[in-house]
Amino acid sequence: MSFIKKRIASFGYAFEGIFEVIQSQPNFIIHFLAAFLAIIAGFYFDISATEWCFVIGSIAMVLGAETFNTAIEHLTNLVSPDYHILAKKTKDAAAGGVLFIAIGAAFVGLIIFLPKFLALFYF
C-alpha cells in the first residue's frame, strides 16, 4: 500500500474509533451536547476570536480525553477480563483525568459566558 493510501486509511480508522465511542459511551454524548450548546452560545453572544480558541480548545480536550478514557477501558478489559484492583485503579485514574479536563472546560465556559448571560438581565 502506498504512503498516501496508508494515510487515508488511517483517517478511516480514526473515524471508526470516534463512531465506536459515540455509540458506546453515554458520557461522550453528554459532553458532545454540552459542546453543541457552547457553540450555539458562542454564536449567540458573538464571542471574540480568542474566546472561540478557548471554547474550541476546551471542547477538543474534553472529547479527546473521553476518547482516550474509552481506549484505556477497552485495553484494561482486554488484559484483565476478571476483576483486579489495578484494573480498577487504571480505569478510575483515566476517568479522573476526564473529570479534571471537564471541570477546567466548565470554568472556561463560566468565565466566558456567565458575564454575557448576566448582562442580558442587568444591562
C-alpha atoms as a PDB file:
ATOM      1  CA  MET A   1       0.000   0.000   0.000  1.00  0.00           C
ATOM      2  CA  SER A   2       1.367   3.413  -0.882  1.00  0.00           C
ATOM      3  CA  PHE A   3       2.184   6.077   1.677  1.00  0.00           C
ATOM      4  CA  ILE A   4      -0.806   8.228   0.693  1.00  0.00           C
ATOM      5  CA  LYS A   5      -3.236   5.304   0.768  1.00  0.00           C
ATOM      6  CA  LYS A   6      -1.978   4.367   4.233  1.00  0.00           C
ATOM      7  CA  ARG A   7      -2.516   7.924   5.456  1.00  0.00           C
ATOM      8  CA  ILE A   8      -6.045   7.991   4.037  1.00  0.00           C
ATOM      9  CA  ALA A   9      -6.770   4.616   5.634  1.00  0.00           C
ATOM     10  CA  SER A  10      -5.508   5.907   8.992  1.00  0.00           C
ATOM     11  CA  PHE A  11      -8.182   8.628   8.905  1.00  0.00           C
ATOM     12  CA  GLY A  12     -10.773   5.913   8.311  1.00  0.00           C
ATOM     13  CA  TYR A  13      -9.551   4.005  11.364  1.00  0.00           C
ATOM     14  CA  ALA A  14      -9.698   7.178  13.450  1.00  0.00           C
ATOM     15  CA  PHE A  15     -13.287   7.848  12.374  1.00  0.00           C
ATOM     16  CA  GLU A  16     -14.194   4.227  13.203  1.00  0.00           C
ATOM     17  CA  GLY A  17     -12.835   4.850  16.690  1.00  0.00           C
ATOM     18  CA  ILE A  18     -14.809   8.062  17.074  1.00  0.00           C
ATOM     19  CA  PHE A  19     -18.027   6.383  15.943  1.00  0.00           C
ATOM     20  CA  GLU A  20     -17.433   3.494  18.350  1.00  0.00           C
ATOM     21  CA  VAL A  21     -17.032   5.928  21.240  1.00  0.00           C
ATOM     22  CA  ILE A  22     -20.177   7.833  20.216  1.00  0.00           C
ATOM     23  CA  GLN A  23     -22.175   4.587  20.080  1.00  0.00           C
ATOM     24  CA  SER A  24     -20.867   3.042  23.290  1.00  0.00           C
ATOM     25  CA  GLN A  25     -20.215   5.875  25.746  1.00  0.00           C
ATOM     26  CA  PRO A  26     -23.146   7.829  27.220  1.00  0.00           C
ATOM     27  CA  ASN A  27     -20.764  10.353  28.792  1.00  0.00           C
ATOM     28  CA  PHE A  28     -19.375  11.194  25.349  1.00  0.00           C
ATOM     29  CA  ILE A  29     -22.893  12.111  24.218  1.00  0.00           C
ATOM     30  CA  ILE A  30     -23.323  14.337  27.283  1.00  0.00           C
ATOM     31  CA  HIS A  31     -20.014  16.074  26.533  1.00  0.00           C
ATOM     32  CA  PHE A  32     -20.960  16.374  22.868  1.00  0.00           C
ATOM     33  CA  LEU A  33     -24.292  18.014  23.742  1.00  0.00           C
ATOM     34  CA  ALA A  34     -22.542  20.431  26.112  1.00  0.00           C
ATOM     35  CA  ALA A  35     -20.126  21.276  23.293  1.00  0.00           C
ATOM     36  CA  PHE A  36     -23.033  21.890  20.935  1.00  0.00           C
ATOM     37  CA  LEU A  37     -24.652  24.240  23.464  1.00  0.00           C
ATOM     38  CA  ALA A  38     -21.355  26.097  23.961  1.00  0.00           C
ATOM     39  CA  ILE A  39     -21.040  26.592  20.205  1.00  0.00           C
ATOM     40  CA  ILE A  40     -24.595  27.887  19.955  1.00  0.00           C
ATOM     41  CA  ALA A  41     -23.917  30.241  22.881  1.00  0.00           C
ATOM     42  CA  GLY A  42     -20.712  31.381  21.193  1.00  0.00           C
ATOM     43  CA  PHE A  43     -22.634  32.419  18.086  1.00  0.00           C
ATOM     44  CA  TYR A  44     -25.463  33.976  20.108  1.00  0.00           C
ATOM     45  CA  PHE A  45     -23.101  36.079  22.234  1.00  0.00           C
ATOM     46  CA  ASP A  46     -20.757  36.783  19.305  1.00  0.00           C
ATOM     47  CA  ILE A  47     -17.666  35.828  21.292  1.00  0.00           C
ATOM     48  CA  SER A  48     -14.230  37.032  20.241  1.00  0.00           C
ATOM     49  CA  ALA A  49     -11.679  35.009  18.287  1.00  0.00           C
ATOM     50  CA  THR A  50      -9.676  34.492  21.479  1.00  0.00           C
ATOM     51  CA  GLU A  51     -12.772  33.257  23.310  1.00  0.00           C
ATOM     52  CA  TRP A  52     -13.507  30.897  20.403  1.00  0.00           C
ATOM     53  CA  CYS A  53     -10.000  29.498  20.735  1.00  0.00           C
ATOM     54  CA  PHE A  54     -10.604  28.704  24.403  1.00  0.00           C
ATOM     55  CA  VAL A  55     -14.061  27.224  23.745  1.00  0.00           C
ATOM     56  CA  ILE A  56     -12.923  25.050  20.820  1.00  0.00           C
ATOM     57  CA  GLY A  57      -9.759  24.033  22.688  1.00  0.00           C
ATOM     58  CA  SER A  58     -11.802  23.021  25.717  1.00  0.00           C
ATOM     59  CA  ILE A  59     -14.242  21.041  23.576  1.00  0.00           C
ATOM     60  CA  ALA A  60     -11.395  19.224  21.825  1.00  0.00           C
ATOM     61  CA  MET A  61      -9.704  18.396  25.130  1.00  0.00           C
ATOM     62  CA  VAL A  62     -12.877  17.027  26.748  1.00  0.00           C
ATOM     63  CA  LEU A  63     -13.909  14.914  23.747  1.00  0.00           C
ATOM     64  CA  GLY A  64     -10.334  13.729  23.263  1.00  0.00           C
ATOM     65  CA  ALA A  65     -10.000  12.828  26.938  1.00  0.00           C
ATOM     66  CA  GLU A  66     -13.257  10.872  26.823  1.00  0.00           C
ATOM     67  CA  THR A  67     -11.993   9.021  23.745  1.00  0.00           C
ATOM     68  CA  PHE A  68      -8.646   8.187  25.393  1.00  0.00           C
ATOM     69  CA  ASN A  69     -10.510   7.072  28.511  1.00  0.00           C
ATOM     70  CA  THR A  70     -12.566   4.671  26.402  1.00  0.00           C
ATOM     71  CA  ALA A  71      -9.400   3.280  24.801  1.00  0.00           C
ATOM     72  CA  ILE A  72      -7.856   2.746  28.244  1.00  0.00           C
ATOM     73  CA  GLU A  73     -11.024   0.996  29.438  1.00  0.00           C
ATOM     74  CA  HIS A  74     -11.059  -1.313  26.402  1.00  0.00           C
ATOM     75  CA  LEU A  75      -7.385  -2.180  26.798  1.00  0.00           C
ATOM     76  CA  THR A  76      -7.802  -2.760  30.529  1.00  0.00           C
ATOM     77  CA  ASN A  77     -10.745  -5.088  29.866  1.00  0.00           C
ATOM     78  CA  LEU A  78      -8.642  -6.993  27.341  1.00  0.00           C
ATOM     79  CA  VAL A  79      -5.660  -7.571  29.612  1.00  0.00           C
ATOM     80  CA  SER A  80      -7.693  -8.029  32.792  1.00  0.00           C
ATOM     81  CA  PRO A  81     -11.119  -9.513  31.994  1.00  0.00           C
ATOM     82  CA  ASP A  82     -11.567 -10.556  35.625  1.00  0.00           C
ATOM     83  CA  TYR A  83     -11.725  -8.051  38.466  1.00  0.00           C
ATOM     84  CA  HIS A  84      -8.334  -6.827  39.575  1.00  0.00           C
ATOM     85  CA  ILE A  85      -7.631  -3.884  41.876  1.00  0.00           C
ATOM     86  CA  LEU A  86      -5.009  -2.494  39.459  1.00  0.00           C
ATOM     87  CA  ALA A  87      -7.509  -2.631  36.589  1.00  0.00           C
ATOM     88  CA  LYS A  88      -9.959  -0.686  38.743  1.00  0.00           C
ATOM     89  CA  LYS A  89      -7.307   1.867  39.665  1.00  0.00           C
ATOM     90  CA  THR A  90      -6.380   2.262  35.986  1.00  0.00           C
ATOM     91  CA  LYS A  91      -9.965   2.903  34.950  1.00  0.00           C
ATOM     92  CA  ASP A  92     -10.581   5.235  37.891  1.00  0.00           C
ATOM     93  CA  ALA A  93      -7.461   7.264  37.131  1.00  0.00           C
ATOM     94  CA  ALA A  94      -8.443   7.610  33.467  1.00  0.00           C
ATOM     95  CA  ALA A  95     -11.942   8.712  34.463  1.00  0.00           C
ATOM     96  CA  GLY A  96     -10.409  11.173  36.920  1.00  0.00           C
ATOM     97  CA  GLY A  97      -8.368  12.664  34.085  1.00  0.00           C
ATOM     98  CA  VAL A  98     -11.546  13.250  32.098  1.00  0.00           C
ATOM     99  CA  LEU A  99     -13.155  14.851  35.145  1.00  0.00           C
ATOM    100  CA  PHE A 100     -10.230  17.259  35.612  1.00  0.00           C
ATOM    101  CA  ILE A 101     -10.457  18.359  31.992  1.00  0.00           C
ATOM    102  CA  ALA A 102     -14.252  18.635  32.083  1.00  0.00           C
ATOM    103  CA  ILE A 103     -14.099  20.806  35.218  1.00  0.00           C
ATOM    104  CA  GLY A 104     -11.496  23.013  33.539  1.00  0.00           C
ATOM    105  CA  ALA A 105     -13.708  23.328  30.467  1.00  0.00           C
ATOM    106  CA  ALA A 106     -16.679  24.225  32.655  1.00  0.00           C
ATOM    107  CA  PHE A 107     -14.650  27.024  34.248  1.00  0.00           C
ATOM    108  CA  VAL A 108     -13.648  28.298  30.806  1.00  0.00           C
ATOM    109  CA  GLY A 109     -17.333  28.310  29.866  1.00  0.00           C
ATOM    110  CA  LEU A 110     -18.301  30.143  33.047  1.00  0.00           C
ATOM    111  CA  ILE A 111     -15.594  32.764  32.606  1.00  0.00           C
ATOM    112  CA  ILE A 112     -16.619  33.420  29.007  1.00  0.00           C
ATOM    113  CA  PHE A 113     -20.387  33.024  29.103  1.00  0.00           C
ATOM    114  CA  LEU A 114     -21.570  33.918  32.615  1.00  0.00           C
ATOM    115  CA  PRO A 115     -20.874  37.675  32.310  1.00  0.00           C
ATOM    116  CA  LYS A 116     -22.553  37.752  28.879  1.00  0.00           C
ATOM    117  CA  PHE A 117     -25.558  35.838  30.194  1.00  0.00           C
ATOM    118  CA  LEU A 118     -25.897  38.072  33.263  1.00  0.00           C
ATOM    119  CA  ALA A 119     -25.659  41.164  31.048  1.00  0.00           C
ATOM    120  CA  LEU A 120     -28.911  40.070  29.418  1.00  0.00           C
ATOM    121  CA  PHE A 121     -30.698  40.695  32.721  1.00  0.00           C
ATOM    122  CA  TYR A 122     -28.689  43.567  34.179  1.00  0.00           C
ATOM    123  CA  PHE A 123     -27.927  45.577  31.024  1.00  0.00           C
END
